[in-house]
């Protein structure tokens, strides 16, 4: 890479911030390139140039919160749609998990720019991440993310007998969706009617469609882990903060 690129894009690639954050900091004069303040949006840099940010930027970033919700069925992940309620309405003091170990104090300003880092279908439950931190959003839903997501899926086999081992192997690797092969997954039986799915991608309604391809009907779907962060004992409809020592 020897061509100049937008400063905000380069800052995102380096993990300093999201692009939107970078543009905000540039306009505030908080970004230096090779020691000189660059405050013009759209400025370009070369890959060898050193980018630093002022302390105010780091302080502002450290105030950004990430919230973990145990989303119940009936809530949508993002914007309200078709009369359905967005999960962000659950983030209120009375719905905070009493066992949340985080020392963070709730403040209504934390609801500003609190966006879902990934989706969970309206008829699915489990771990949903909402964040103000562009770095976390990029880590979880960026194009090159390698973060695993684990789901417990209750199923019914719609054909006589039991799911053949060959079809279980297909669920692990070999299925195509929307004209493209799916990445390898880890799919195994937990008990007679429940499978564990571990994926590194999240195409729309992917697990339900995968199951449908091998004759399985999904009865219930719950996300229990994203990377190293687990749903744990967080009750449905409640939320907690991502702790300062937790990493996806």
C-alpha atoms as a PDB file:
ATOM      1  CA  UNK A   1       0.000   0.000   0.000  1.00  0.00           C
ATOM      2  CA  UNK A   2       1.823   3.137  -1.250  1.00  0.00           C
ATOM      3  CA  UNK A   3      -1.128   5.234  -2.424  1.00  0.00           C
ATOM      4  CA  UNK A   4      -2.376   7.963  -0.074  1.00  0.00           C
ATOM      5  CA  UNK A   5      -5.608   7.059   1.746  1.00  0.00           C
ATOM      6  CA  UNK A   6      -8.107   9.128   3.694  1.00  0.00           C
ATOM      7  CA  UNK A   7      -6.852   9.871   7.183  1.00  0.00           C
ATOM      8  CA  UNK A   8     -10.098   8.663   8.774  1.00  0.00           C
ATOM      9  CA  UNK A   9      -9.869   5.350   6.861  1.00  0.00           C
ATOM     10  CA  UNK A  10      -6.247   4.860   7.938  1.00  0.00           C
ATOM     11  CA  UNK A  11      -7.148   5.586  11.584  1.00  0.00           C
ATOM     12  CA  UNK A  12      -9.875   2.939  11.387  1.00  0.00           C
ATOM     13  CA  UNK A  13      -7.459   0.411   9.838  1.00  0.00           C
ATOM     14  CA  UNK A  14      -4.993   1.054  12.671  1.00  0.00           C
ATOM     15  CA  UNK A  15      -7.732   0.485  15.261  1.00  0.00           C
ATOM     16  CA  UNK A  16      -7.455   4.019  16.655  1.00  0.00           C
ATOM     17  CA  UNK A  17     -11.134   4.798  16.128  1.00  0.00           C
ATOM     18  CA  UNK A  18     -14.110   4.292  13.847  1.00  0.00           C
ATOM     19  CA  UNK A  19     -14.215   6.436  10.703  1.00  0.00           C
ATOM     20  CA  UNK A  20     -17.000   8.586  12.130  1.00  0.00           C
ATOM     21  CA  UNK A  21     -15.016   9.134  15.331  1.00  0.00           C
ATOM     22  CA  UNK A  22     -11.920   9.967  13.306  1.00  0.00           C
ATOM     23  CA  UNK A  23     -13.754  12.654  11.306  1.00  0.00           C
ATOM     24  CA  UNK A  24     -15.063  14.146  14.563  1.00  0.00           C
ATOM     25  CA  UNK A  25     -11.569  14.244  16.096  1.00  0.00           C
ATOM     26  CA  UNK A  26     -10.004  15.685  12.932  1.00  0.00           C
ATOM     27  CA  UNK A  27     -12.536  18.532  12.882  1.00  0.00           C
ATOM     28  CA  UNK A  28     -11.755  19.239  16.562  1.00  0.00           C
ATOM     29  CA  UNK A  29      -7.994  19.405  15.852  1.00  0.00           C
ATOM     30  CA  UNK A  30      -7.218  16.327  17.957  1.00  0.00           C
ATOM     31  CA  UNK A  31      -5.281  14.406  15.273  1.00  0.00           C
ATOM     32  CA  UNK A  32      -1.619  14.851  14.326  1.00  0.00           C
ATOM     33  CA  UNK A  33       0.213  13.424  11.349  1.00  0.00           C
ATOM     34  CA  UNK A  34       3.987  13.336  11.812  1.00  0.00           C
ATOM     35  CA  UNK A  35       3.531  15.719  14.728  1.00  0.00           C
ATOM     36  CA  UNK A  36       1.448  18.325  12.856  1.00  0.00           C
ATOM     37  CA  UNK A  37      -2.241  18.934  13.546  1.00  0.00           C
ATOM     38  CA  UNK A  38      -4.461  17.991  10.603  1.00  0.00           C
ATOM     39  CA  UNK A  39      -7.959  19.462  10.912  1.00  0.00           C
ATOM     40  CA  UNK A  40      -9.254  19.292   7.345  1.00  0.00           C
ATOM     41  CA  UNK A  41     -11.772  16.524   6.647  1.00  0.00           C
ATOM     42  CA  UNK A  42     -10.839  14.362   3.674  1.00  0.00           C
ATOM     43  CA  UNK A  43      -7.092  14.807   4.249  1.00  0.00           C
ATOM     44  CA  UNK A  44      -4.968  11.914   2.971  1.00  0.00           C
ATOM     45  CA  UNK A  45      -1.909  10.204   4.408  1.00  0.00           C
ATOM     46  CA  UNK A  46       0.736   7.730   3.294  1.00  0.00           C
ATOM     47  CA  UNK A  47       1.100   4.384   5.106  1.00  0.00           C
ATOM     48  CA  UNK A  48       4.482   5.233   6.661  1.00  0.00           C
ATOM     49  CA  UNK A  49       3.252   8.476   8.261  1.00  0.00           C
ATOM     50  CA  UNK A  50       2.807   8.463  12.035  1.00  0.00           C
ATOM     51  CA  UNK A  51      -0.682   9.263  13.327  1.00  0.00           C
ATOM     52  CA  UNK A  52      -1.231  10.303  16.944  1.00  0.00           C
ATOM     53  CA  UNK A  53      -4.295  11.581  18.785  1.00  0.00           C
ATOM     54  CA  UNK A  54      -4.564  14.109  21.596  1.00  0.00           C
ATOM     55  CA  UNK A  55      -5.408  13.031  25.122  1.00  0.00           C
ATOM     56  CA  UNK A  56      -8.902  14.543  24.847  1.00  0.00           C
ATOM     57  CA  UNK A  57      -9.747  11.966  22.174  1.00  0.00           C
ATOM     58  CA  UNK A  58      -8.612   9.042  24.327  1.00  0.00           C
ATOM     59  CA  UNK A  59     -10.540  10.477  27.303  1.00  0.00           C
ATOM     60  CA  UNK A  60     -13.704  10.849  25.216  1.00  0.00           C
ATOM     61  CA  UNK A  61     -13.315   7.318  23.879  1.00  0.00           C
ATOM     62  CA  UNK A  62     -12.865   5.869  27.381  1.00  0.00           C
ATOM     63  CA  UNK A  63     -16.287   7.288  28.367  1.00  0.00           C
ATOM     64  CA  UNK A  64     -18.021   5.266  25.645  1.00  0.00           C
ATOM     65  CA  UNK A  65     -19.976   2.340  27.003  1.00  0.00           C
ATOM     66  CA  UNK A  66     -20.804  -1.116  25.692  1.00  0.00           C
ATOM     67  CA  UNK A  67     -23.930  -2.834  26.954  1.00  0.00           C
ATOM     68  CA  UNK A  68     -24.822  -6.541  26.914  1.00  0.00           C
ATOM     69  CA  UNK A  69     -28.537  -7.362  26.731  1.00  0.00           C
ATOM     70  CA  UNK A  70     -30.307 -10.693  27.073  1.00  0.00           C
ATOM     71  CA  UNK A  71     -32.754  -9.955  24.260  1.00  0.00           C
ATOM     72  CA  UNK A  72     -36.151 -11.627  24.606  1.00  0.00           C
ATOM     73  CA  UNK A  73     -38.277 -12.770  21.647  1.00  0.00           C
ATOM     74  CA  UNK A  74     -40.325  -9.929  20.146  1.00  0.00           C
ATOM     75  CA  UNK A  75     -37.659  -7.207  20.142  1.00  0.00           C
ATOM     76  CA  UNK A  76     -35.709  -6.129  17.065  1.00  0.00           C
ATOM     77  CA  UNK A  77     -31.966  -5.513  17.253  1.00  0.00           C
ATOM     78  CA  UNK A  78     -31.804  -2.123  15.562  1.00  0.00           C
ATOM     79  CA  UNK A  79     -34.312   0.549  14.554  1.00  0.00           C
ATOM     80  CA  UNK A  80     -38.007   0.109  15.346  1.00  0.00           C
ATOM     81  CA  UNK A  81     -39.700  -1.603  12.399  1.00  0.00           C
ATOM     82  CA  UNK A  82     -43.272  -2.648  11.570  1.00  0.00           C
ATOM     83  CA  UNK A  83     -44.435  -1.654  15.033  1.00  0.00           C
ATOM     84  CA  UNK A  84     -41.835  -3.847  16.770  1.00  0.00           C
ATOM     85  CA  UNK A  85     -39.836  -2.478  19.695  1.00  0.00           C
ATOM     86  CA  UNK A  86     -36.045  -2.022  19.478  1.00  0.00           C
ATOM     87  CA  UNK A  87     -33.980  -3.748  22.168  1.00  0.00           C
ATOM     88  CA  UNK A  88     -32.359  -0.435  23.201  1.00  0.00           C
ATOM     89  CA  UNK A  89     -35.555   0.469  25.128  1.00  0.00           C
ATOM     90  CA  UNK A  90     -34.530  -2.201  27.666  1.00  0.00           C
ATOM     91  CA  UNK A  91     -31.469  -0.114  28.626  1.00  0.00           C
ATOM     92  CA  UNK A  92     -32.944   1.733  31.600  1.00  0.00           C
ATOM     93  CA  UNK A  93     -31.938   1.745  35.277  1.00  0.00           C
ATOM     94  CA  UNK A  94     -34.730  -0.545  36.460  1.00  0.00           C
ATOM     95  CA  UNK A  95     -33.799  -3.263  33.929  1.00  0.00           C
ATOM     96  CA  UNK A  96     -30.106  -3.312  34.868  1.00  0.00           C
ATOM     97  CA  UNK A  97     -29.023  -6.704  36.238  1.00  0.00           C
ATOM     98  CA  UNK A  98     -28.631  -6.464  40.012  1.00  0.00           C
ATOM     99  CA  UNK A  99     -25.516  -8.666  39.833  1.00  0.00           C
ATOM    100  CA  UNK A 100     -23.756  -6.448  37.263  1.00  0.00           C
ATOM    101  CA  UNK A 101     -20.167  -6.233  38.622  1.00  0.00           C
ATOM    102  CA  UNK A 102     -19.329  -3.070  36.648  1.00  0.00           C
ATOM    103  CA  UNK A 103     -18.770   0.131  38.688  1.00  0.00           C
ATOM    104  CA  UNK A 104     -20.173   2.161  35.751  1.00  0.00           C
ATOM    105  CA  UNK A 105     -23.026   4.494  36.664  1.00  0.00           C
ATOM    106  CA  UNK A 106     -25.972   4.767  34.274  1.00  0.00           C
ATOM    107  CA  UNK A 107     -26.541   8.135  32.614  1.00  0.00           C
ATOM    108  CA  UNK A 108     -29.043   8.930  29.834  1.00  0.00           C
ATOM    109  CA  UNK A 109     -26.219  10.311  27.633  1.00  0.00           C
ATOM    110  CA  UNK A 110     -25.038   6.690  27.288  1.00  0.00           C
ATOM    111  CA  UNK A 111     -28.085   6.050  25.098  1.00  0.00           C
ATOM    112  CA  UNK A 112     -26.772   8.467  22.457  1.00  0.00           C
ATOM    113  CA  UNK A 113     -25.231   6.622  19.507  1.00  0.00           C
ATOM    114  CA  UNK A 114     -25.734   3.296  21.296  1.00  0.00           C
ATOM    115  CA  UNK A 115     -25.993   0.977  18.301  1.00  0.00           C
ATOM    116  CA  UNK A 116     -26.176  -2.809  17.862  1.00  0.00           C
ATOM    117  CA  UNK A 117     -22.900  -4.514  16.917  1.00  0.00           C
ATOM    118  CA  UNK A 118     -24.578  -7.308  14.982  1.00  0.00           C
ATOM    119  CA  UNK A 119     -28.165  -8.463  14.792  1.00  0.00           C
ATOM    120  CA  UNK A 120     -30.324 -11.058  16.472  1.00  0.00           C
ATOM    121  CA  UNK A 121     -33.625 -11.937  14.784  1.00  0.00           C
ATOM    122  CA  UNK A 122     -36.913 -10.884  16.375  1.00  0.00           C
ATOM    123  CA  UNK A 123     -37.794 -14.539  17.100  1.00  0.00           C
ATOM    124  CA  UNK A 124     -34.372 -15.312  18.629  1.00  0.00           C
ATOM    125  CA  UNK A 125     -33.128 -14.676  22.166  1.00  0.00           C
ATOM    126  CA  UNK A 126     -29.794 -14.262  23.860  1.00  0.00           C
ATOM    127  CA  UNK A 127     -26.724 -12.065  23.847  1.00  0.00           C
ATOM    128  CA  UNK A 128     -27.000  -8.760  21.977  1.00  0.00           C
ATOM    129  CA  UNK A 129     -24.233  -6.132  22.094  1.00  0.00           C
ATOM    130  CA  UNK A 130     -25.006  -2.415  21.913  1.00  0.00           C
ATOM    131  CA  UNK A 131     -22.035  -0.055  21.847  1.00  0.00           C
ATOM    132  CA  UNK A 132     -20.984   3.580  21.539  1.00  0.00           C
ATOM    133  CA  UNK A 133     -17.437   2.451  20.693  1.00  0.00           C
ATOM    134  CA  UNK A 134     -16.718   2.270  16.971  1.00  0.00           C
ATOM    135  CA  UNK A 135     -13.705   0.038  17.578  1.00  0.00           C
ATOM    136  CA  UNK A 136     -15.879  -2.659  19.159  1.00  0.00           C
ATOM    137  CA  UNK A 137     -18.481  -2.396  16.387  1.00  0.00           C
ATOM    138  CA  UNK A 138     -15.732  -2.855  13.774  1.00  0.00           C
ATOM    139  CA  UNK A 139     -14.289  -5.807  15.706  1.00  0.00           C
ATOM    140  CA  UNK A 140     -17.650  -7.596  15.859  1.00  0.00           C
ATOM    141  CA  UNK A 141     -19.201  -6.782  12.477  1.00  0.00           C
ATOM    142  CA  UNK A 142     -16.302  -5.636  10.285  1.00  0.00           C
ATOM    143  CA  UNK A 143     -15.770  -7.492   7.005  1.00  0.00           C
ATOM    144  CA  UNK A 144     -12.709  -9.343   8.258  1.00  0.00           C
ATOM    145  CA  UNK A 145     -14.008 -10.241  11.712  1.00  0.00           C
ATOM    146  CA  UNK A 146     -12.936 -13.646  13.028  1.00  0.00           C
ATOM    147  CA  UNK A 147     -14.961 -13.457  16.254  1.00  0.00           C
ATOM    148  CA  UNK A 148     -16.936 -16.639  16.952  1.00  0.00           C
ATOM    149  CA  UNK A 149     -20.604 -16.516  17.893  1.00  0.00           C
ATOM    150  CA  UNK A 150     -22.165 -19.521  19.631  1.00  0.00           C
ATOM    151  CA  UNK A 151     -25.854 -20.443  19.581  1.00  0.00           C
ATOM    152  CA  UNK A 152     -27.982 -23.143  21.206  1.00  0.00           C
ATOM    153  CA  UNK A 153     -30.631 -24.257  18.727  1.00  0.00           C
ATOM    154  CA  UNK A 154     -33.628 -26.439  19.602  1.00  0.00           C
ATOM    155  CA  UNK A 155     -34.762 -28.382  16.535  1.00  0.00           C
ATOM    156  CA  UNK A 156     -37.292 -30.894  15.246  1.00  0.00           C
ATOM    157  CA  UNK A 157     -36.404 -33.278  12.402  1.00  0.00           C
ATOM    158  CA  UNK A 158     -39.154 -33.083   9.766  1.00  0.00           C
ATOM    159  CA  UNK A 159     -38.359 -36.477   8.172  1.00  0.00           C
ATOM    160  CA  UNK A 160     -38.685 -40.012   9.569  1.00  0.00           C
ATOM    161  CA  UNK A 161     -35.939 -41.179  11.917  1.00  0.00           C
ATOM    162  CA  UNK A 162     -32.979 -39.088  12.979  1.00  0.00           C
ATOM    163  CA  UNK A 163     -30.764 -36.557  11.189  1.00  0.00           C
ATOM    164  CA  UNK A 164     -28.147 -38.574   9.220  1.00  0.00           C
ATOM    165  CA  UNK A 165     -24.497 -38.039  10.158  1.00  0.00           C
ATOM    166  CA  UNK A 166     -23.830 -36.933   6.560  1.00  0.00           C
ATOM    167  CA  UNK A 167     -26.256 -34.024   7.014  1.00  0.00           C
ATOM    168  CA  UNK A 168     -24.618 -33.058  10.304  1.00  0.00           C
ATOM    169  CA  UNK A 169     -21.300 -32.962   8.421  1.00  0.00           C
ATOM    170  CA  UNK A 170     -22.953 -30.698   5.818  1.00  0.00           C
ATOM    171  CA  UNK A 171     -23.981 -28.297   8.559  1.00  0.00           C
ATOM    172  CA  UNK A 172     -20.332 -28.145   9.607  1.00  0.00           C
ATOM    173  CA  UNK A 173     -19.099 -27.506   6.071  1.00  0.00           C
ATOM    174  CA  UNK A 174     -20.466 -27.855   2.572  1.00  0.00           C
ATOM    175  CA  UNK A 175     -23.652 -25.777   2.392  1.00  0.00           C
ATOM    176  CA  UNK A 176     -24.120 -22.811   0.045  1.00  0.00           C
ATOM    177  CA  UNK A 177     -26.312 -19.764   0.632  1.00  0.00           C
ATOM    178  CA  UNK A 178     -27.177 -16.929  -1.764  1.00  0.00           C
ATOM    179  CA  UNK A 179     -24.791 -18.374  -4.349  1.00  0.00           C
ATOM    180  CA  UNK A 180     -21.767 -18.466  -2.014  1.00  0.00           C
ATOM    181  CA  UNK A 181     -20.272 -21.256   0.128  1.00  0.00           C
ATOM    182  CA  UNK A 182     -20.675 -20.846   3.873  1.00  0.00           C
ATOM    183  CA  UNK A 183     -17.553 -20.672   6.018  1.00  0.00           C
ATOM    184  CA  UNK A 184     -16.823 -23.819   8.062  1.00  0.00           C
ATOM    185  CA  UNK A 185     -18.924 -23.958  11.257  1.00  0.00           C
ATOM    186  CA  UNK A 186     -18.817 -26.109  14.389  1.00  0.00           C
ATOM    187  CA  UNK A 187     -22.148 -27.886  14.797  1.00  0.00           C
ATOM    188  CA  UNK A 188     -22.683 -30.685  17.306  1.00  0.00           C
ATOM    189  CA  UNK A 189     -25.510 -32.266  19.277  1.00  0.00           C
ATOM    190  CA  UNK A 190     -25.939 -31.041  22.867  1.00  0.00           C
ATOM    191  CA  UNK A 191     -28.781 -33.470  23.565  1.00  0.00           C
ATOM    192  CA  UNK A 192     -31.553 -35.240  21.620  1.00  0.00           C
ATOM    193  CA  UNK A 193     -33.246 -32.082  20.340  1.00  0.00           C
ATOM    194  CA  UNK A 194     -30.633 -29.348  20.727  1.00  0.00           C
ATOM    195  CA  UNK A 195     -27.624 -28.425  18.578  1.00  0.00           C
ATOM    196  CA  UNK A 196     -24.739 -26.077  19.331  1.00  0.00           C
ATOM    197  CA  UNK A 197     -23.742 -23.855  16.377  1.00  0.00           C
ATOM    198  CA  UNK A 198     -20.491 -21.855  16.417  1.00  0.00           C
ATOM    199  CA  UNK A 199     -20.141 -19.484  13.450  1.00  0.00           C
ATOM    200  CA  UNK A 200     -17.704 -16.825  12.269  1.00  0.00           C
ATOM    201  CA  UNK A 201     -20.212 -15.167   9.943  1.00  0.00           C
ATOM    202  CA  UNK A 202     -23.778 -14.000  10.285  1.00  0.00           C
ATOM    203  CA  UNK A 203     -25.797 -13.984   7.097  1.00  0.00           C
ATOM    204  CA  UNK A 204     -29.466 -13.100   7.432  1.00  0.00           C
ATOM    205  CA  UNK A 205     -31.347 -15.874   9.250  1.00  0.00           C
ATOM    206  CA  UNK A 206     -28.364 -18.116   8.516  1.00  0.00           C
ATOM    207  CA  UNK A 207     -28.914 -20.835  11.122  1.00  0.00           C
ATOM    208  CA  UNK A 208     -32.618 -21.202  10.351  1.00  0.00           C
ATOM    209  CA  UNK A 209     -31.860 -21.483   6.641  1.00  0.00           C
ATOM    210  CA  UNK A 210     -29.017 -23.977   7.230  1.00  0.00           C
ATOM    211  CA  UNK A 211     -31.331 -26.165   9.302  1.00  0.00           C
ATOM    212  CA  UNK A 212     -34.056 -25.948   6.680  1.00  0.00           C
ATOM    213  CA  UNK A 213     -31.619 -27.279   4.038  1.00  0.00           C
ATOM    214  CA  UNK A 214     -31.196 -30.567   5.944  1.00  0.00           C
ATOM    215  CA  UNK A 215     -34.818 -31.007   7.066  1.00  0.00           C
ATOM    216  CA  UNK A 216     -34.564 -29.496  10.544  1.00  0.00           C
ATOM    217  CA  UNK A 217     -37.153 -27.054  11.869  1.00  0.00           C
ATOM    218  CA  UNK A 218     -35.841 -24.514  14.379  1.00  0.00           C
ATOM    219  CA  UNK A 219     -38.075 -24.368  17.468  1.00  0.00           C
ATOM    220  CA  UNK A 220     -35.889 -22.038  19.536  1.00  0.00           C
ATOM    221  CA  UNK A 221     -32.614 -20.152  19.013  1.00  0.00           C
ATOM    222  CA  UNK A 222     -30.468 -18.518  21.693  1.00  0.00           C
ATOM    223  CA  UNK A 223     -27.068 -16.814  21.322  1.00  0.00           C
ATOM    224  CA  UNK A 224     -24.928 -17.674  24.339  1.00  0.00           C
ATOM    225  CA  UNK A 225     -21.478 -16.326  23.446  1.00  0.00           C
ATOM    226  CA  UNK A 226     -19.715 -13.716  21.304  1.00  0.00           C
ATOM    227  CA  UNK A 227     -15.954 -14.287  21.271  1.00  0.00           C
ATOM    228  CA  UNK A 228     -14.824 -14.629  24.903  1.00  0.00           C
ATOM    229  CA  UNK A 229     -17.907 -12.862  26.304  1.00  0.00           C
ATOM    230  CA  UNK A 230     -20.682 -15.184  27.503  1.00  0.00           C
ATOM    231  CA  UNK A 231     -24.357 -14.554  28.209  1.00  0.00           C
ATOM    232  CA  UNK A 232     -23.912 -16.377  31.512  1.00  0.00           C
ATOM    233  CA  UNK A 233     -26.622 -15.836  34.116  1.00  0.00           C
ATOM    234  CA  UNK A 234     -27.901 -12.541  32.682  1.00  0.00           C
ATOM    235  CA  UNK A 235     -31.730 -12.840  32.874  1.00  0.00           C
ATOM    236  CA  UNK A 236     -33.977 -12.246  29.824  1.00  0.00           C
ATOM    237  CA  UNK A 237     -34.927  -8.578  29.378  1.00  0.00           C
ATOM    238  CA  UNK A 238     -32.037  -7.352  31.550  1.00  0.00           C
ATOM    239  CA  UNK A 239     -28.673  -5.794  30.704  1.00  0.00           C
ATOM    240  CA  UNK A 240     -25.223  -5.143  32.095  1.00  0.00           C
ATOM    241  CA  UNK A 241     -22.115  -3.204  31.103  1.00  0.00           C
ATOM    242  CA  UNK A 242     -19.140  -4.829  29.371  1.00  0.00           C
ATOM    243  CA  UNK A 243     -16.541  -4.798  32.142  1.00  0.00           C
ATOM    244  CA  UNK A 244     -13.240  -2.905  31.776  1.00  0.00           C
ATOM    245  CA  UNK A 245     -11.337  -6.215  31.861  1.00  0.00           C
ATOM    246  CA  UNK A 246     -13.601  -8.051  29.358  1.00  0.00           C
ATOM    247  CA  UNK A 247     -12.527  -8.533  25.743  1.00  0.00           C
ATOM    248  CA  UNK A 248     -14.415 -10.156  22.891  1.00  0.00           C
END
